[in-house]
C-alpha atoms as a PDB file:
ATOM      1  CA  MET A   1      46.755 126.725 182.124  1.00  0.00           C
ATOM      2  CA  LEU A   2      43.382 125.263 183.037  1.00  0.00           C
ATOM      3  CA  LEU A   3      42.435 124.536 179.424  1.00  0.00           C
ATOM      4  CA  ALA A   4      45.701 122.664 178.832  1.00  0.00           C
ATOM      5  CA  THR A   5      44.975 120.461 181.830  1.00  0.00           C
ATOM      6  CA  LEU A   6      41.453 119.733 180.666  1.00  0.00           C
ATOM      7  CA  PRO A   7      40.859 116.035 179.973  1.00  0.00           C
ATOM      8  CA  SER A   8      40.926 115.515 176.214  1.00  0.00           C
ATOM      9  CA  ARG A   9      37.527 113.817 176.168  1.00  0.00           C
ATOM     10  CA  TYR A  10      35.941 117.065 177.419  1.00  0.00           C
ATOM     11  CA  ALA A  11      37.829 119.424 175.103  1.00  0.00           C
ATOM     12  CA  SER A  12      34.994 119.607 172.587  1.00  0.00           C
ATOM     13  CA  VAL A  13      32.556 120.656 175.312  1.00  0.00           C
ATOM     14  CA  PHE A  14      34.688 123.728 175.981  1.00  0.00           C
ATOM     15  CA  ASN A  15      35.485 124.226 172.267  1.00  0.00           C
ATOM     16  CA  VAL A  16      39.198 123.689 172.878  1.00  0.00           C
ATOM     17  CA  ASP A  17      40.885 123.011 169.560  1.00  0.00           C
ATOM     18  CA  TRP A  18      43.719 125.546 169.674  1.00  0.00           C
ATOM     19  CA  GLY A  19      46.353 122.874 170.240  1.00  0.00           C
ATOM     20  CA  ALA A  20      46.468 121.800 166.625  1.00  0.00           C
ATOM     21  CA  ARG A  21      45.021 124.751 164.775  1.00  0.00           C
ATOM     22  CA  GLY A  22      46.536 128.113 164.250  1.00  0.00           C
ATOM     23  CA  GLU A  23      46.915 130.850 161.709  1.00  0.00           C
ATOM     24  CA  VAL A  24      49.248 130.046 158.837  1.00  0.00           C
ATOM     25  CA  TRP A  25      51.057 132.063 156.194  1.00  0.00           C
ATOM     26  CA  PRO A  26      50.137 131.485 152.526  1.00  0.00           C
ATOM     27  CA  ASP A  27      52.926 128.889 152.238  1.00  0.00           C
ATOM     28  CA  GLY A  28      51.384 126.855 155.099  1.00  0.00           C
ATOM     29  CA  GLN A  29      53.935 127.727 157.780  1.00  0.00           C
ATOM     30  CA  ALA A  30      52.863 128.684 161.287  1.00  0.00           C
ATOM     31  CA  LYS A  31      52.240 132.363 161.895  1.00  0.00           C
ATOM     32  CA  TYR A  32      52.505 132.279 165.674  1.00  0.00           C
ATOM     33  CA  VAL A  33      54.821 129.982 167.623  1.00  0.00           C
ATOM     34  CA  PRO A  34      56.774 130.294 170.889  1.00  0.00           C
ATOM     35  CA  GLN A  35      59.748 132.663 170.763  1.00  0.00           C
ATOM     36  CA  GLY A  36      62.198 129.829 171.422  1.00  0.00           C
ATOM     37  CA  LEU A  37      61.083 128.127 168.229  1.00  0.00           C
ATOM     38  CA  ARG A  38      61.687 131.334 166.267  1.00  0.00           C
ATOM     39  CA  VAL A  39      65.195 131.541 167.773  1.00  0.00           C
ATOM     40  CA  VAL A  40      65.955 127.995 166.574  1.00  0.00           C
ATOM     41  CA  GLU A  41      64.540 128.880 163.161  1.00  0.00           C
ATOM     42  CA  ALA A  42      66.794 131.955 162.954  1.00  0.00           C
ATOM     43  CA  LEU A  43      69.872 129.975 163.986  1.00  0.00           C
ATOM     44  CA  LEU A  44      69.161 127.323 161.364  1.00  0.00           C
ATOM     45  CA  ALA A  45      68.672 130.038 158.728  1.00  0.00           C
ATOM     46  CA  LYS A  46      72.259 131.199 159.353  1.00  0.00           C
ATOM     47  CA  ARG A  47      73.572 127.805 158.262  1.00  0.00           C
ATOM     48  CA  PHE A  48      70.966 126.431 155.849  1.00  0.00           C
ATOM     49  CA  PRO A  49      68.850 127.872 153.028  1.00  0.00           C
ATOM     50  CA  GLU A  50      65.548 129.280 154.290  1.00  0.00           C
ATOM     51  CA  ASP A  51      63.675 127.074 151.798  1.00  0.00           C
ATOM     52  CA  ASP A  52      65.023 124.062 153.714  1.00  0.00           C
ATOM     53  CA  ILE A  53      63.518 125.204 157.031  1.00  0.00           C
ATOM     54  CA  ALA A  54      59.845 125.132 157.963  1.00  0.00           C
ATOM     55  CA  VAL A  55      57.958 125.895 161.157  1.00  0.00           C
ATOM     56  CA  CYS A  56      54.471 124.459 161.033  1.00  0.00           C
ATOM     57  CA  TYR A  57      51.594 123.100 163.054  1.00  0.00           C
ATOM     58  CA  ALA A  58      50.784 119.395 163.226  1.00  0.00           C
ATOM     59  CA  ASP A  59      47.989 119.809 160.674  1.00  0.00           C
ATOM     60  CA  GLN A  60      50.493 121.064 158.081  1.00  0.00           C
ATOM     61  CA  LEU A  61      53.207 118.424 158.578  1.00  0.00           C
ATOM     62  CA  ASP A  62      52.296 116.609 155.378  1.00  0.00           C
ATOM     63  CA  GLN A  63      53.092 119.790 153.406  1.00  0.00           C
ATOM     64  CA  PHE A  64      56.669 119.927 154.683  1.00  0.00           C
ATOM     65  CA  LEU A  65      57.869 116.393 155.444  1.00  0.00           C
ATOM     66  CA  GLY A  66      59.160 114.305 152.593  1.00  0.00           C
ATOM     67  CA  GLU A  67      61.944 112.126 151.296  1.00  0.00           C
ATOM     68  CA  ASP A  68      64.515 114.919 151.691  1.00  0.00           C
ATOM     69  CA  THR A  69      63.597 115.606 155.331  1.00  0.00           C
ATOM     70  CA  ARG A  70      66.473 114.785 157.664  1.00  0.00           C
ATOM     71  CA  VAL A  71      65.511 116.365 160.985  1.00  0.00           C
ATOM     72  CA  VAL A  72      62.244 117.270 162.661  1.00  0.00           C
ATOM     73  CA  GLY A  73      62.192 119.325 165.842  1.00  0.00           C
ATOM     74  CA  ILE A  74      59.142 119.273 168.063  1.00  0.00           C
ATOM     75  CA  HIS A  75      58.170 121.943 170.546  1.00  0.00           C
ATOM     76  CA  ALA A  76      55.862 120.926 173.356  1.00  0.00           C
ATOM     77  CA  HIS A  77      54.960 122.346 176.722  1.00  0.00           C
ATOM     78  CA  ASN A  78      54.313 119.575 179.229  1.00  0.00           C
ATOM     79  CA  PRO A  79      53.987 116.862 176.556  1.00  0.00           C
ATOM     80  CA  LEU A  80      53.217 114.076 179.008  1.00  0.00           C
ATOM     81  CA  GLY A  81      50.696 116.085 180.991  1.00  0.00           C
ATOM     82  CA  ILE A  82      52.335 115.287 184.326  1.00  0.00           C
ATOM     83  CA  THR A  83      52.921 118.648 185.977  1.00  0.00           C
ATOM     84  CA  PHE A  84      51.383 119.445 189.332  1.00  0.00           C
ATOM     85  CA  ALA A  85      48.573 121.527 187.812  1.00  0.00           C
ATOM     86  CA  THR A  86      47.751 118.901 185.209  1.00  0.00           C
ATOM     87  CA  ASP A  87      47.661 116.100 187.740  1.00  0.00           C
ATOM     88  CA  VAL A  88      45.480 118.044 190.125  1.00  0.00           C
ATOM     89  CA  TYR A  89      42.956 119.481 187.672  1.00  0.00           C
ATOM     90  CA  ALA A  90      42.717 116.707 185.098  1.00  0.00           C
ATOM     91  CA  TYR A  91      42.395 113.940 187.630  1.00  0.00           C
ATOM     92  CA  PHE A  92      39.380 115.601 189.206  1.00  0.00           C
ATOM     93  CA  TYR A  93      37.642 113.801 186.332  1.00  0.00           C
ATOM     94  CA  GLY A  94      39.091 110.388 187.170  1.00  0.00           C
ATOM     95  CA  ALA A  95      42.363 108.463 187.178  1.00  0.00           C
ATOM     96  CA  ASP A  96      41.961 107.218 183.603  1.00  0.00           C
ATOM     97  CA  VAL A  97      41.825 110.621 181.898  1.00  0.00           C
ATOM     98  CA  GLU A  98      44.404 111.969 179.480  1.00  0.00           C
ATOM     99  CA  PRO A  99      45.044 115.713 179.731  1.00  0.00           C
ATOM    100  CA  PHE A 100      44.463 117.690 176.543  1.00  0.00           C
ATOM    101  CA  ASN A 101      48.123 118.699 176.158  1.00  0.00           C
ATOM    102  CA  ALA A 102      49.265 115.076 176.489  1.00  0.00           C
ATOM    103  CA  GLU A 103      46.679 113.938 173.929  1.00  0.00           C
ATOM    104  CA  GLN A 104      47.813 116.625 171.476  1.00  0.00           C
ATOM    105  CA  PHE A 105      51.471 115.625 171.878  1.00  0.00           C
ATOM    106  CA  ARG A 106      50.634 111.949 171.357  1.00  0.00           C
ATOM    107  CA  ARG A 107      48.676 112.922 168.229  1.00  0.00           C
ATOM    108  CA  LEU A 108      51.727 114.818 166.962  1.00  0.00           C
ATOM    109  CA  ILE A 109      54.329 112.105 167.475  1.00  0.00           C
ATOM    110  CA  LEU A 110      52.043 109.458 165.969  1.00  0.00           C
ATOM    111  CA  HIS A 111      51.379 111.569 162.871  1.00  0.00           C
ATOM    112  CA  PRO A 112      51.358 109.401 159.712  1.00  0.00           C
ATOM    113  CA  CYS A 113      54.011 111.615 158.080  1.00  0.00           C
ATOM    114  CA  PHE A 114      56.631 110.375 160.512  1.00  0.00           C
ATOM    115  CA  VAL A 115      55.963 106.775 159.527  1.00  0.00           C
ATOM    116  CA  SER A 116      55.807 107.437 155.789  1.00  0.00           C
ATOM    117  CA  THR A 117      59.136 109.314 155.769  1.00  0.00           C
ATOM    118  CA  ASN A 118      60.983 106.808 157.968  1.00  0.00           C
ATOM    119  CA  LEU A 119      61.811 109.479 160.574  1.00  0.00           C
ATOM    120  CA  THR A 120      60.826 107.279 163.477  1.00  0.00           C
END
């Protein structure tokens, strides 16, 4: 919890880069994601071909988004960084800080793949 509330400008000091990086399978899909995301993936697989479904990290978006992409689901915990813990701990560093989890979410939704595929 404390690392997620860390101001993004100090993340490198504490070597916090786990928000965007994670282990991937050989095809580039995410190895470890929250259980709820796996439930959505399983439900989609009942209706659509598995080759049409991908669960990936932000760094792998360009491998999976393209002209045929119709829907992108995003999972985020506290994407705006405005929970009690985030406000208390992050703002110890000043009122103008952006918590690490909010910075990572902003980075995700502003990913160039969303613009190039007209999914915005």
